[in-house]
PDB file of N, CA and C in Angstrom:
ATOM      1  N   MET A   1       0.755  -1.278  -0.008  1.00  0.00           N
ATOM      2  CA  MET A   1      -0.014   0.065   0.114  1.00  0.00           C
ATOM      3  C   MET A   1       0.880   1.185   0.001  1.00  0.00           C
ATOM      4  N   ALA A   2       0.632   2.157  -0.786  1.00  0.00           N
ATOM      5  CA  ALA A   2       1.443   3.321  -0.960  1.00  0.00           C
ATOM      6  C   ALA A   2       1.036   4.302   0.115  1.00  0.00           C
ATOM      7  N   SER A   3       2.038   5.143   0.537  1.00  0.00           N
ATOM      8  CA  SER A   3       1.870   6.255   1.500  1.00  0.00           C
ATOM      9  C   SER A   3       1.245   7.242   0.752  1.00  0.00           C
ATOM     10  N   GLU A   4       0.921   8.268   1.693  1.00  0.00           N
ATOM     11  CA  GLU A   4       0.227   9.525   1.128  1.00  0.00           C
ATOM     12  C   GLU A   4       1.055  10.382   0.353  1.00  0.00           C
ATOM     13  N   ARG A   5       2.329  10.412   0.788  1.00  0.00           N
ATOM     14  CA  ARG A   5       3.624  10.951   0.141  1.00  0.00           C
ATOM     15  C   ARG A   5       3.704  10.456  -1.370  1.00  0.00           C
ATOM     16  N   THR A   6       3.658   9.090  -1.260  1.00  0.00           N
ATOM     17  CA  THR A   6       3.921   8.469  -2.686  1.00  0.00           C
ATOM     18  C   THR A   6       3.009   8.887  -3.581  1.00  0.00           C
ATOM     19  N   ASP A   7       1.648   8.754  -3.071  1.00  0.00           N
ATOM     20  CA  ASP A   7       0.602   9.152  -3.898  1.00  0.00           C
ATOM     21  C   ASP A   7       0.645  10.642  -4.423  1.00  0.00           C
ATOM     22  N   GLU A   8       1.041  11.536  -3.406  1.00  0.00           N
ATOM     23  CA  GLU A   8       1.259  12.891  -3.894  1.00  0.00           C
ATOM     24  C   GLU A   8       2.330  13.025  -4.965  1.00  0.00           C
ATOM     25  N   LEU A   9       3.472  12.323  -4.796  1.00  0.00           N
ATOM     26  CA  LEU A   9       4.363  12.408  -5.743  1.00  0.00           C
ATOM     27  C   LEU A   9       4.041  11.954  -7.250  1.00  0.00           C
ATOM     28  N   TYR A  10       3.146  10.825  -7.122  1.00  0.00           N
ATOM     29  CA  TYR A  10       2.695  10.424  -8.444  1.00  0.00           C
ATOM     30  C   TYR A  10       2.000  11.344  -9.086  1.00  0.00           C
ATOM     31  N   LYS A  11       1.014  12.066  -8.162  1.00  0.00           N
ATOM     32  CA  LYS A  11       0.035  12.965  -8.802  1.00  0.00           C
ATOM     33  C   LYS A  11       0.619  14.202  -9.420  1.00  0.00           C
ATOM     34  N   ILE A  12       1.760  14.688  -8.750  1.00  0.00           N
ATOM     35  CA  ILE A  12       2.513  15.906  -8.995  1.00  0.00           C
ATOM     36  C   ILE A  12       3.310  15.525 -10.347  1.00  0.00           C
ATOM     37  N   LEU A  13       3.988  14.405 -10.394  1.00  0.00           N
ATOM     38  CA  LEU A  13       4.591  14.086 -11.683  1.00  0.00           C
ATOM     39  C   LEU A  13       3.682  13.921 -12.877  1.00  0.00           C
ATOM     40  N   LEU A  14       2.493  13.353 -12.567  1.00  0.00           N
ATOM     41  CA  LEU A  14       1.562  13.423 -13.710  1.00  0.00           C
ATOM     42  C   LEU A  14       1.075  14.740 -14.170  1.00  0.00           C
ATOM     43  N   SER A  15       0.947  15.494 -13.160  1.00  0.00           N
ATOM     44  CA  SER A  15       0.439  16.965 -13.296  1.00  0.00           C
ATOM     45  C   SER A  15       1.460  17.775 -14.109  1.00  0.00           C
ATOM     46  N   LYS A  16       2.813  17.298 -14.266  1.00  0.00           N
ATOM     47  CA  LYS A  16       4.042  17.972 -14.887  1.00  0.00           C
ATOM     48  C   LYS A  16       4.106  17.516 -16.275  1.00  0.00           C
ATOM     49  N   GLY A  17       3.164  16.374 -16.661  1.00  0.00           N
ATOM     50  CA  GLY A  17       3.333  16.014 -17.852  1.00  0.00           C
ATOM     51  C   GLY A  17       4.075  14.898 -18.281  1.00  0.00           C
ATOM     52  N   TYR A  18       4.750  14.149 -17.213  1.00  0.00           N
ATOM     53  CA  TYR A  18       5.575  13.053 -17.542  1.00  0.00           C
ATOM     54  C   TYR A  18       4.740  11.968 -17.844  1.00  0.00           C
ATOM     55  N   PRO A  19       5.313  10.957 -18.590  1.00  0.00           N
ATOM     56  CA  PRO A  19       4.467   9.802 -19.002  1.00  0.00           C
ATOM     57  C   PRO A  19       3.970   8.832 -17.881  1.00  0.00           C
ATOM     58  N   LYS A  20       2.899   8.375 -17.993  1.00  0.00           N
ATOM     59  CA  LYS A  20       2.085   7.919 -16.689  1.00  0.00           C
ATOM     60  C   LYS A  20       3.126   6.553 -16.140  1.00  0.00           C
ATOM     61  N   GLU A  21       3.752   5.829 -17.173  1.00  0.00           N
ATOM     62  CA  GLU A  21       4.649   4.687 -16.772  1.00  0.00           C
ATOM     63  C   GLU A  21       5.848   5.169 -15.859  1.00  0.00           C
ATOM     64  N   LEU A  22       6.277   6.268 -16.373  1.00  0.00           N
ATOM     65  CA  LEU A  22       7.483   6.858 -15.794  1.00  0.00           C
ATOM     66  C   LEU A  22       7.151   7.319 -14.298  1.00  0.00           C
ATOM     67  N   CYS A  23       5.898   7.934 -14.135  1.00  0.00           N
ATOM     68  CA  CYS A  23       5.452   8.450 -12.956  1.00  0.00           C
ATOM     69  C   CYS A  23       5.330   7.254 -11.936  1.00  0.00           C
ATOM     70  N   ALA A  24       4.835   6.208 -12.497  1.00  0.00           N
ATOM     71  CA  ALA A  24       4.373   5.044 -11.534  1.00  0.00           C
ATOM     72  C   ALA A  24       5.810   4.355 -11.209  1.00  0.00           C
ATOM     73  N   GLU A  25       6.814   4.410 -12.106  1.00  0.00           N
ATOM     74  CA  GLU A  25       7.855   3.663 -11.846  1.00  0.00           C
ATOM     75  C   GLU A  25       8.745   4.577 -10.672  1.00  0.00           C
ATOM     76  N   ILE A  26       8.735   5.921 -10.932  1.00  0.00           N
ATOM     77  CA  ILE A  26       9.508   6.680  -9.873  1.00  0.00           C
ATOM     78  C   ILE A  26       8.703   6.612  -8.483  1.00  0.00           C
ATOM     79  N   ALA A  27       7.419   6.976  -8.618  1.00  0.00           N
ATOM     80  CA  ALA A  27       6.641   7.005  -7.160  1.00  0.00           C
ATOM     81  C   ALA A  27       6.603   5.751  -6.622  1.00  0.00           C
ATOM     82  N   TYR A  28       6.171   4.795  -7.246  1.00  0.00           N
ATOM     83  CA  TYR A  28       5.733   3.402  -6.608  1.00  0.00           C
ATOM     84  C   TYR A  28       6.718   2.324  -6.428  1.00  0.00           C
ATOM     85  N   LYS A  29       7.809   2.336  -7.419  1.00  0.00           N
ATOM     86  CA  LYS A  29       8.929   1.378  -7.262  1.00  0.00           C
ATOM     87  C   LYS A  29      10.258   1.945  -6.738  1.00  0.00           C
ATOM     88  N   ASN A  30      10.471   3.078  -6.881  1.00  0.00           N
ATOM     89  CA  ASN A  30      11.758   3.854  -6.418  1.00  0.00           C
ATOM     90  C   ASN A  30      11.410   4.769  -5.210  1.00  0.00           C
ATOM     91  N   MET A  31      10.695   5.701  -5.365  1.00  0.00           N
ATOM     92  CA  MET A  31      10.565   6.638  -4.300  1.00  0.00           C
ATOM     93  C   MET A  31       9.332   6.467  -3.228  1.00  0.00           C
ATOM     94  N   ASN A  32       9.539   4.948  -2.942  1.00  0.00           N
ATOM     95  CA  ASN A  32       8.287   4.379  -2.086  1.00  0.00           C
ATOM     96  C   ASN A  32       8.128   4.568  -0.720  1.00  0.00           C
ATOM     97  N   THR A  33       9.088   5.440  -0.058  1.00  0.00           N
ATOM     98  CA  THR A  33       9.225   5.663   1.260  1.00  0.00           C
ATOM     99  C   THR A  33       8.786   7.143   1.493  1.00  0.00           C
ATOM    100  N   ASP A  34       8.427   7.456   2.728  1.00  0.00           N
ATOM    101  CA  ASP A  34       8.128   8.795   3.030  1.00  0.00           C
ATOM    102  C   ASP A  34       9.305   9.718   2.828  1.00  0.00           C
ATOM    103  N   TYR A  35      10.407   9.078   3.268  1.00  0.00           N
ATOM    104  CA  TYR A  35      11.740   9.887   3.094  1.00  0.00           C
ATOM    105  C   TYR A  35      12.023  10.243   1.632  1.00  0.00           C
ATOM    106  N   THR A  36      12.102   9.036   0.894  1.00  0.00           N
ATOM    107  CA  THR A  36      12.498   9.511  -0.622  1.00  0.00           C
ATOM    108  C   THR A  36      11.340  10.224  -1.367  1.00  0.00           C
ATOM    109  N   ALA A  37      10.157   9.838  -0.934  1.00  0.00           N
ATOM    110  CA  ALA A  37       9.168  10.781  -1.660  1.00  0.00           C
ATOM    111  C   ALA A  37       9.093  12.253  -1.286  1.00  0.00           C
ATOM    112  N   THR A  38       9.256  12.448   0.026  1.00  0.00           N
ATOM    113  CA  THR A  38       9.322  13.947   0.466  1.00  0.00           C
ATOM    114  C   THR A  38      10.588  14.537  -0.077  1.00  0.00           C
ATOM    115  N   ARG A  39      11.668  13.890  -0.262  1.00  0.00           N
ATOM    116  CA  ARG A  39      12.851  14.481  -0.944  1.00  0.00           C
ATOM    117  C   ARG A  39      12.616  14.946  -2.227  1.00  0.00           C
ATOM    118  N   MET A  40      12.119  13.895  -3.021  1.00  0.00           N
ATOM    119  CA  MET A  40      11.523  14.334  -4.431  1.00  0.00           C
ATOM    120  C   MET A  40      10.611  15.343  -4.642  1.00  0.00           C
ATOM    121  N   LEU A  41       9.656  15.329  -3.724  1.00  0.00           N
ATOM    122  CA  LEU A  41       8.687  16.326  -3.787  1.00  0.00           C
ATOM    123  C   LEU A  41       9.383  17.803  -3.643  1.00  0.00           C
ATOM    124  N   GLY A  42      10.306  17.869  -2.720  1.00  0.00           N
ATOM    125  CA  GLY A  42      11.140  18.971  -2.420  1.00  0.00           C
ATOM    126  C   GLY A  42      11.799  19.594  -3.545  1.00  0.00           C
ATOM    127  N   TYR A  43      12.286  18.666  -4.443  1.00  0.00           N
ATOM    128  CA  TYR A  43      13.141  18.944  -5.550  1.00  0.00           C
ATOM    129  C   TYR A  43      12.152  19.354  -6.669  1.00  0.00           C
ATOM    130  N   LEU A  44      10.913  18.669  -6.710  1.00  0.00           N
ATOM    131  CA  LEU A  44       9.948  19.355  -7.740  1.00  0.00           C
ATOM    132  C   LEU A  44       9.315  20.463  -7.322  1.00  0.00           C
ATOM    133  N   TYR A  45       9.331  21.022  -6.076  1.00  0.00           N
ATOM    134  CA  TYR A  45       8.782  22.257  -5.731  1.00  0.00           C
ATOM    135  C   TYR A  45       9.887  23.340  -6.059  1.00  0.00           C
ATOM    136  N   ARG A  46      11.088  22.952  -6.115  1.00  0.00           N
ATOM    137  CA  ARG A  46      12.265  23.880  -6.263  1.00  0.00           C
ATOM    138  C   ARG A  46      12.448  24.006  -7.728  1.00  0.00           C
ATOM    139  N   ILE A  47      12.479  23.016  -8.427  1.00  0.00           N
ATOM    140  CA  ILE A  47      12.763  22.945  -9.800  1.00  0.00           C
ATOM    141  C   ILE A  47      11.207  22.814 -10.607  1.00  0.00           C
ATOM    142  N   SER A  48      10.757  23.709 -11.267  1.00  0.00           N
ATOM    143  CA  SER A  48       9.351  23.730 -11.872  1.00  0.00           C
ATOM    144  C   SER A  48       9.175  22.499 -12.681  1.00  0.00           C
ATOM    145  N   ASN A  49       9.945  22.529 -13.796  1.00  0.00           N
ATOM    146  CA  ASN A  49       9.906  21.471 -14.943  1.00  0.00           C
ATOM    147  C   ASN A  49      11.204  20.910 -15.264  1.00  0.00           C
ATOM    148  N   PRO A  50      11.662  20.034 -14.492  1.00  0.00           N
ATOM    149  CA  PRO A  50      12.852  19.573 -14.875  1.00  0.00           C
ATOM    150  C   PRO A  50      12.874  18.488 -16.063  1.00  0.00           C
ATOM    151  N   ARG A  51      13.876  18.365 -16.874  1.00  0.00           N
ATOM    152  CA  ARG A  51      14.004  17.416 -17.964  1.00  0.00           C
ATOM    153  C   ARG A  51      13.904  16.018 -17.273  1.00  0.00           C
ATOM    154  N   ILE A  52      13.427  15.089 -18.075  1.00  0.00           N
ATOM    155  CA  ILE A  52      13.374  13.867 -17.566  1.00  0.00           C
ATOM    156  C   ILE A  52      14.740  13.150 -17.076  1.00  0.00           C
ATOM    157  N   GLU A  53      15.776  13.558 -17.886  1.00  0.00           N
ATOM    158  CA  GLU A  53      17.191  13.116 -17.427  1.00  0.00           C
ATOM    159  C   GLU A  53      17.476  13.707 -16.017  1.00  0.00           C
ATOM    160  N   ASP A  54      17.173  15.001 -15.765  1.00  0.00           N
ATOM    161  CA  ASP A  54      17.451  15.510 -14.468  1.00  0.00           C
ATOM    162  C   ASP A  54      16.530  14.847 -13.422  1.00  0.00           C
ATOM    163  N   LEU A  55      15.374  14.714 -13.686  1.00  0.00           N
ATOM    164  CA  LEU A  55      14.477  14.041 -12.798  1.00  0.00           C
ATOM    165  C   LEU A  55      15.089  12.672 -12.255  1.00  0.00           C
ATOM    166  N   ILE A  56      15.488  11.905 -13.309  1.00  0.00           N
ATOM    167  CA  ILE A  56      16.147  10.657 -13.089  1.00  0.00           C
ATOM    168  C   ILE A  56      17.509  10.735 -12.214  1.00  0.00           C
ATOM    169  N   ASP A  57      18.157  11.624 -12.492  1.00  0.00           N
ATOM    170  CA  ASP A  57      19.426  11.924 -12.070  1.00  0.00           C
ATOM    171  C   ASP A  57      19.134  12.259 -10.364  1.00  0.00           C
ATOM    172  N   GLU A  58      18.101  13.088 -10.162  1.00  0.00           N
ATOM    173  CA  GLU A  58      17.879  13.380  -8.689  1.00  0.00           C
ATOM    174  C   GLU A  58      17.343  12.203  -7.960  1.00  0.00           C
ATOM    175  N   MET A  59      16.444  11.395  -8.760  1.00  0.00           N
ATOM    176  CA  MET A  59      15.929  10.122  -8.070  1.00  0.00           C
ATOM    177  C   MET A  59      17.195   9.265  -7.573  1.00  0.00           C
ATOM    178  N   LEU A  60      18.400   8.942  -8.510  1.00  0.00           N
ATOM    179  CA  LEU A  60      19.262   8.298  -8.189  1.00  0.00           C
ATOM    180  C   LEU A  60      20.140   8.832  -7.084  1.00  0.00           C
ATOM    181  N   ALA A  61      20.246  10.201  -7.113  1.00  0.00           N
ATOM    182  CA  ALA A  61      20.931  10.855  -6.012  1.00  0.00           C
ATOM    183  C   ALA A  61      20.425  10.614  -4.629  1.00  0.00           C
ATOM    184  N   ILE A  62      19.044  10.677  -4.678  1.00  0.00           N
ATOM    185  CA  ILE A  62      18.292  10.479  -3.426  1.00  0.00           C
ATOM    186  C   ILE A  62      18.333   9.053  -2.878  1.00  0.00           C
ATOM    187  N   LEU A  63      18.175   8.161  -4.035  1.00  0.00           N
ATOM    188  CA  LEU A  63      18.490   6.647  -3.381  1.00  0.00           C
ATOM    189  C   LEU A  63      19.759   6.322  -3.003  1.00  0.00           C
ATOM    190  N   SER A  64      20.776   7.052  -3.589  1.00  0.00           N
ATOM    191  CA  SER A  64      22.299   6.704  -3.045  1.00  0.00           C
ATOM    192  C   SER A  64      22.374   7.353  -1.812  1.00  0.00           C
ATOM    193  N   ASP A  65      21.789   8.497  -1.467  1.00  0.00           N
ATOM    194  CA  ASP A  65      21.844   9.142  -0.129  1.00  0.00           C
ATOM    195  C   ASP A  65      21.100   8.212   0.905  1.00  0.00           C
ATOM    196  N   ARG A  66      20.080   7.399   0.441  1.00  0.00           N
ATOM    197  CA  ARG A  66      19.269   6.561   1.395  1.00  0.00           C
ATOM    198  C   ARG A  66      19.985   5.434   1.812  1.00  0.00           C
ATOM    199  N   ASN A  67      20.735   4.934   0.706  1.00  0.00           N
ATOM    200  CA  ASN A  67      21.487   3.767   0.833  1.00  0.00           C
ATOM    201  C   ASN A  67      22.709   4.053   1.765  1.00  0.00           C
ATOM    202  N   ALA A  68      23.225   5.112   1.599  1.00  0.00           N
ATOM    203  CA  ALA A  68      24.461   5.591   2.590  1.00  0.00           C
ATOM    204  C   ALA A  68      24.025   5.773   4.036  1.00  0.00           C
ATOM    205  N   ILE A  69      22.902   6.340   4.187  1.00  0.00           N
ATOM    206  CA  ILE A  69      22.288   6.356   5.658  1.00  0.00           C
ATOM    207  C   ILE A  69      21.940   5.039   6.206  1.00  0.00           C
ATOM    208  N   ILE A  70      21.392   4.251   5.340  1.00  0.00           N
ATOM    209  CA  ILE A  70      21.122   2.687   5.802  1.00  0.00           C
ATOM    210  C   ILE A  70      22.604   1.966   6.137  1.00  0.00           C
ATOM    211  N   GLN A  71      23.697   2.033   5.297  1.00  0.00           N
ATOM    212  CA  GLN A  71      24.795   1.555   5.527  1.00  0.00           C
ATOM    213  C   GLN A  71      25.461   2.061   6.752  1.00  0.00           C
ATOM    214  N   LYS A  72      25.357   3.395   7.005  1.00  0.00           N
ATOM    215  CA  LYS A  72      25.900   3.916   8.272  1.00  0.00           C
ATOM    216  C   LYS A  72      25.234   3.601   9.475  1.00  0.00           C
ATOM    217  N   LYS A  73      23.871   3.363   9.409  1.00  0.00           N
ATOM    218  CA  LYS A  73      23.124   2.904  10.692  1.00  0.00           C
ATOM    219  C   LYS A  73      23.715   1.391  10.914  1.00  0.00           C
ATOM    220  N   GLU A  74      23.616   0.502   9.830  1.00  0.00           N
ATOM    221  CA  GLU A  74      24.114  -0.696   9.935  1.00  0.00           C
ATOM    222  C   GLU A  74      25.662  -0.665  10.594  1.00  0.00           C
ATOM    223  N   LEU A  75      26.474  -0.079  10.139  1.00  0.00           N
ATOM    224  CA  LEU A  75      27.925  -0.064  10.556  1.00  0.00           C
ATOM    225  C   LEU A  75      27.917   0.560  12.157  1.00  0.00           C
ATOM    226  N   GLU A  76      27.174   1.472  12.503  1.00  0.00           N
ATOM    227  CA  GLU A  76      27.059   1.827  13.723  1.00  0.00           C
ATOM    228  C   GLU A  76      26.459   0.771  14.912  1.00  0.00           C
ATOM    229  N   GLN A  77      25.660  -0.028  14.317  1.00  0.00           N
ATOM    230  CA  GLN A  77      25.082  -1.111  15.208  1.00  0.00           C
ATOM    231  C   GLN A  77      26.149  -2.087  15.284  1.00  0.00           C
ATOM    232  N   ALA A  78      26.858  -2.364  14.154  1.00  0.00           N
ATOM    233  CA  ALA A  78      27.887  -3.515  14.304  1.00  0.00           C
ATOM    234  C   ALA A  78      29.019  -2.997  15.258  1.00  0.00           C
ATOM    235  N   GLN A  79      29.322  -1.716  15.185  1.00  0.00           N
ATOM    236  CA  GLN A  79      30.380  -1.079  16.138  1.00  0.00           C
ATOM    237  C   GLN A  79      29.814  -1.450  17.573  1.00  0.00           C
ATOM    238  N   SER A  80      28.557  -1.012  17.665  1.00  0.00           N
ATOM    239  CA  SER A  80      28.048  -1.173  19.069  1.00  0.00           C
ATOM    240  C   SER A  80      28.130  -2.542  19.723  1.00  0.00           C
ATOM    241  N   VAL A  81      27.972  -3.398  18.822  1.00  0.00           N
ATOM    242  CA  VAL A  81      28.079  -4.921  19.443  1.00  0.00           C
ATOM    243  C   VAL A  81      29.492  -5.202  19.497  1.00  0.00           C
ATOM    244  N   ILE A  82      30.556  -4.834  18.702  1.00  0.00           N
ATOM    245  CA  ILE A  82      31.911  -4.922  19.041  1.00  0.00           C
ATOM    246  C   ILE A  82      32.303  -4.436  20.235  1.00  0.00           C
ATOM    247  N   ASN A  83      31.888  -3.077  20.385  1.00  0.00           N
ATOM    248  CA  ASN A  83      32.350  -2.453  21.759  1.00  0.00           C
ATOM    249  C   ASN A  83      31.723  -3.143  23.029  1.00  0.00           C
ATOM    250  N   ASP A  84      30.606  -3.709  22.969  1.00  0.00           N
ATOM    251  CA  ASP A  84      29.848  -4.336  24.034  1.00  0.00           C
ATOM    252  C   ASP A  84      30.837  -5.726  24.181  1.00  0.00           C
ATOM    253  N   VAL A  85      31.106  -6.288  23.181  1.00  0.00           N
ATOM    254  CA  VAL A  85      32.012  -7.546  23.330  1.00  0.00           C
ATOM    255  C   VAL A  85      33.418  -7.059  23.960  1.00  0.00           C
ATOM    256  N   TYR A  86      33.872  -6.107  23.598  1.00  0.00           N
ATOM    257  CA  TYR A  86      35.374  -5.661  24.227  1.00  0.00           C
ATOM    258  C   TYR A  86      35.132  -5.223  25.806  1.00  0.00           C
ATOM    259  N   GLN A  87      33.973  -4.626  25.961  1.00  0.00           N
ATOM    260  CA  GLN A  87      33.799  -4.148  27.523  1.00  0.00           C
ATOM    261  C   GLN A  87      33.273  -5.372  28.337  1.00  0.00           C
ATOM    262  N   ASN A  88      32.424  -6.317  27.711  1.00  0.00           N
ATOM    263  CA  ASN A  88      31.855  -7.193  28.619  1.00  0.00           C
ATOM    264  C   ASN A  88      32.363  -8.629  28.256  1.00  0.00           C
ATOM    265  N   GLY A  89      32.907  -8.795  27.147  1.00  0.00           N
ATOM    266  CA  GLY A  89      33.456 -10.243  26.924  1.00  0.00           C
ATOM    267  C   GLY A  89      32.427 -10.867  26.314  1.00  0.00           C
ATOM    268  N   LEU A  90      32.691 -12.167  25.636  1.00  0.00           N
ATOM    269  CA  LEU A  90      31.677 -12.975  25.114  1.00  0.00           C
ATOM    270  C   LEU A  90      30.660 -13.529  26.241  1.00  0.00           C
TER     271      LEU A  90
END
């Protein structure tokens, strides 16, 4: 089930005249979390009518940022476990 932000993103993309299939691909397959949809909406509010190439580039940048944040959180969790082992032993 899509979030309100994802639905909003889909509608905004459609209203800007992008192909329906592209709008669905971006909104429902790639920008399908509140974080990513909100970031893309912010981009669309700042840049009124980006070219498709620029829209895709921004989508990839947002996904890259999200993946970096996820990886950082995973590494922080792993480091926390290692620190606990050092302090308390196995």
